[in-house]
Amino acid sequence: WKTWSDVSPVGALAWVKVTKTYADLSTAATTNDIEVYSLPAKSTIHAGVLKTTTAFSGGGLSSYSFSVGTAPGFTDLITGPYSGTAAVSNTNFERVAGALLPNFIKNFGSATSIRLSASCDVNLNGATAGSVDLYLLVSTLP
């Protein structure tokens, strides 16, 4: 039997913020995925939010969308498509679907690559502006 005063706060929740710009995703192709967070072994994601801070534009693009997750597919956190071209506002964001999270511990022995996947109607290296923030609420088992 333990009381709260006997328990170490090793598994405390912490928010992680990652910012990626059009330059981070630039490639001569219409899709790309990049690592945005290395989820430590024995860790889980409790919540997440994806929000543009600058709309993606330039190079004649008309659509630029995102999803977030692990390989393959990159949709197990934010299924997308979250529009990167929509006007930036206080209500334009995408949350991680809560039903996906209870089973999100991926590996007890090694880190898991959390990836941002982008797709566009033209090559991604045509973009000249755009920035997106990803917030993840994470904890690690002791």
Protein backbone atom coordinates (compact mmCIF):
# COMPACT_ATOMS: atom_id res chain seq x y z
CA TRP A 1 0.00 0.00 0.00
CA LYS A 2 1.36 3.41 -0.96
CA THR A 3 0.13 6.92 -0.41
CA TRP A 4 0.64 9.77 -2.86
CA SER A 5 3.51 11.05 -0.74
CA ASP A 6 5.34 7.71 -1.31
CA VAL A 7 5.06 7.82 -5.11
CA SER A 8 7.83 9.29 -7.23
CA PRO A 9 6.60 11.64 -10.04
CA VAL A 10 8.68 9.81 -12.68
CA GLY A 11 5.63 9.30 -14.90
CA ALA A 12 4.56 12.96 -14.88
CA LEU A 13 2.81 14.35 -17.95
CA ALA A 14 4.72 16.88 -20.03
CA TRP A 15 3.80 18.87 -23.15
CA VAL A 16 6.26 18.79 -26.04
CA LYS A 17 6.05 21.43 -28.78
CA VAL A 18 7.61 20.97 -32.21
CA THR A 19 7.53 23.58 -35.00
CA LYS A 20 8.11 22.68 -38.64
CA THR A 21 8.18 25.00 -41.65
CA TYR A 22 7.74 24.60 -45.39
CA ALA A 23 11.56 24.35 -45.67
CA ASP A 24 11.65 21.32 -43.34
CA LEU A 25 9.23 19.46 -45.63
CA SER A 26 10.67 20.67 -48.95
CA THR A 27 11.37 17.97 -51.53
CA ALA A 28 10.95 17.50 -55.27
CA ALA A 29 7.90 15.29 -54.73
CA THR A 30 4.24 15.74 -53.77
CA THR A 31 4.60 13.81 -50.49
CA ASN A 32 7.15 13.72 -47.70
CA ASP A 33 7.35 12.60 -44.08
CA ILE A 34 9.81 13.73 -41.43
CA GLU A 35 10.40 12.79 -37.81
CA VAL A 36 8.94 15.36 -35.44
CA TYR A 37 9.44 13.51 -32.16
CA SER A 38 11.26 10.44 -30.91
CA LEU A 39 8.87 8.91 -28.37
CA PRO A 40 11.08 7.30 -25.71
CA ALA A 41 10.77 3.61 -24.81
CA LYS A 42 7.93 2.89 -22.33
CA SER A 43 6.26 6.21 -23.21
CA THR A 44 2.77 7.06 -24.33
CA ILE A 45 1.02 10.01 -25.94
CA HIS A 46 -2.07 11.18 -24.05
CA ALA A 47 -3.14 14.07 -26.27
CA GLY A 48 -2.00 16.08 -29.24
CA VAL A 49 -2.82 19.14 -31.32
CA LEU A 50 -1.68 20.19 -34.80
CA LYS A 51 -2.06 23.89 -35.68
CA THR A 52 -0.76 26.09 -38.47
CA THR A 53 0.81 29.39 -37.46
CA THR A 54 1.43 30.52 -41.06
CA ALA A 55 -0.66 29.16 -43.93
CA PHE A 56 1.28 27.14 -46.52
CA SER A 57 1.46 28.89 -49.89
CA GLY A 58 3.59 29.59 -52.97
CA GLY A 59 4.61 27.74 -56.09
CA GLY A 60 1.09 27.55 -57.46
CA LEU A 61 -0.05 25.12 -54.77
CA SER A 62 -3.75 24.95 -53.93
CA SER A 63 -3.70 22.15 -51.37
CA TYR A 64 -1.18 21.19 -48.70
CA SER A 65 -2.27 18.74 -46.03
CA PHE A 66 -0.89 16.89 -43.02
CA SER A 67 -1.28 13.74 -40.98
CA VAL A 68 0.74 12.57 -37.96
CA GLY A 69 1.70 9.10 -36.78
CA THR A 70 4.01 6.17 -37.14
CA ALA A 71 5.03 4.18 -40.20
CA PRO A 72 3.39 2.86 -42.23
CA GLY A 73 0.66 5.32 -43.04
CA PHE A 74 1.44 8.11 -40.57
CA THR A 75 -2.23 8.43 -39.53
CA ASP A 76 -2.45 6.75 -36.13
CA LEU A 77 -2.35 10.08 -34.24
CA ILE A 78 -3.87 12.69 -36.54
CA THR A 79 -5.62 10.95 -39.40
CA GLY A 80 -5.83 14.03 -41.58
CA PRO A 81 -6.02 15.51 -43.93
CA TYR A 82 -5.46 18.66 -41.89
CA SER A 83 -5.32 21.59 -44.32
CA GLY A 84 -2.16 23.67 -44.24
CA THR A 85 -3.59 26.19 -46.72
CA ALA A 86 -6.65 27.16 -44.65
CA ALA A 87 -6.62 30.56 -42.98
CA VAL A 88 -4.82 30.58 -39.63
CA SER A 89 -7.23 31.20 -36.76
CA ASN A 90 -7.77 30.37 -33.11
CA THR A 91 -10.25 27.66 -34.11
CA ASN A 92 -8.29 26.09 -37.00
CA PHE A 93 -6.51 23.11 -35.45
CA GLU A 94 -6.77 19.33 -35.32
CA ARG A 95 -6.79 17.22 -32.14
CA VAL A 96 -5.53 13.69 -31.74
CA ALA A 97 -8.52 11.38 -31.69
CA GLY A 98 -8.93 10.21 -28.08
CA ALA A 99 -9.98 6.69 -29.07
CA LEU A 100 -6.54 6.15 -30.62
CA LEU A 101 -4.59 6.94 -27.47
CA PRO A 102 -5.26 4.22 -24.87
CA ASN A 103 -3.06 1.80 -26.81
CA PHE A 104 -0.35 4.19 -27.92
CA ILE A 105 2.60 2.71 -26.04
CA LYS A 106 4.45 1.34 -29.05
CA ASN A 107 7.65 -0.14 -27.64
CA PHE A 108 9.02 -0.94 -24.18
CA GLY A 109 12.57 -1.41 -25.46
CA SER A 110 13.30 1.38 -27.92
CA ALA A 111 12.13 4.78 -29.15
CA THR A 112 9.30 5.21 -31.65
CA SER A 113 9.55 7.72 -34.50
CA ILE A 114 6.54 10.07 -34.60
CA ARG A 115 6.31 11.52 -38.09
CA LEU A 116 4.63 14.47 -39.81
CA SER A 117 3.43 13.53 -43.28
CA ALA A 118 2.74 16.25 -45.84
CA SER A 119 1.07 16.02 -49.23
CA CYS A 120 0.54 18.69 -51.84
CA ASP A 121 -0.97 19.07 -55.31
CA VAL A 122 2.44 20.25 -56.62
CA ASN A 123 5.97 19.39 -55.49
CA LEU A 124 6.51 20.38 -51.86
CA ASN A 125 9.62 22.39 -52.76
CA GLY A 126 7.35 24.90 -54.51
CA ALA A 127 6.04 26.20 -51.18
CA THR A 128 7.51 29.53 -50.10
CA ALA A 129 5.69 30.02 -46.77
CA GLY A 130 4.10 27.97 -44.03
CA SER A 131 4.61 26.84 -40.46
CA VAL A 132 2.86 24.24 -38.31
CA ASP A 133 3.09 23.45 -34.58
CA LEU A 134 2.60 19.99 -33.11
CA TYR A 135 1.90 19.67 -29.39
CA LEU A 136 2.11 16.23 -27.73
CA LEU A 137 1.23 15.39 -24.12
CA VAL A 138 3.57 12.54 -23.18
CA SER A 139 4.57 10.47 -20.16
CA THR A 140 7.06 7.65 -19.55
CA LEU A 141 6.49 4.67 -17.31
CA PRO A 142 9.02 4.34 -14.49
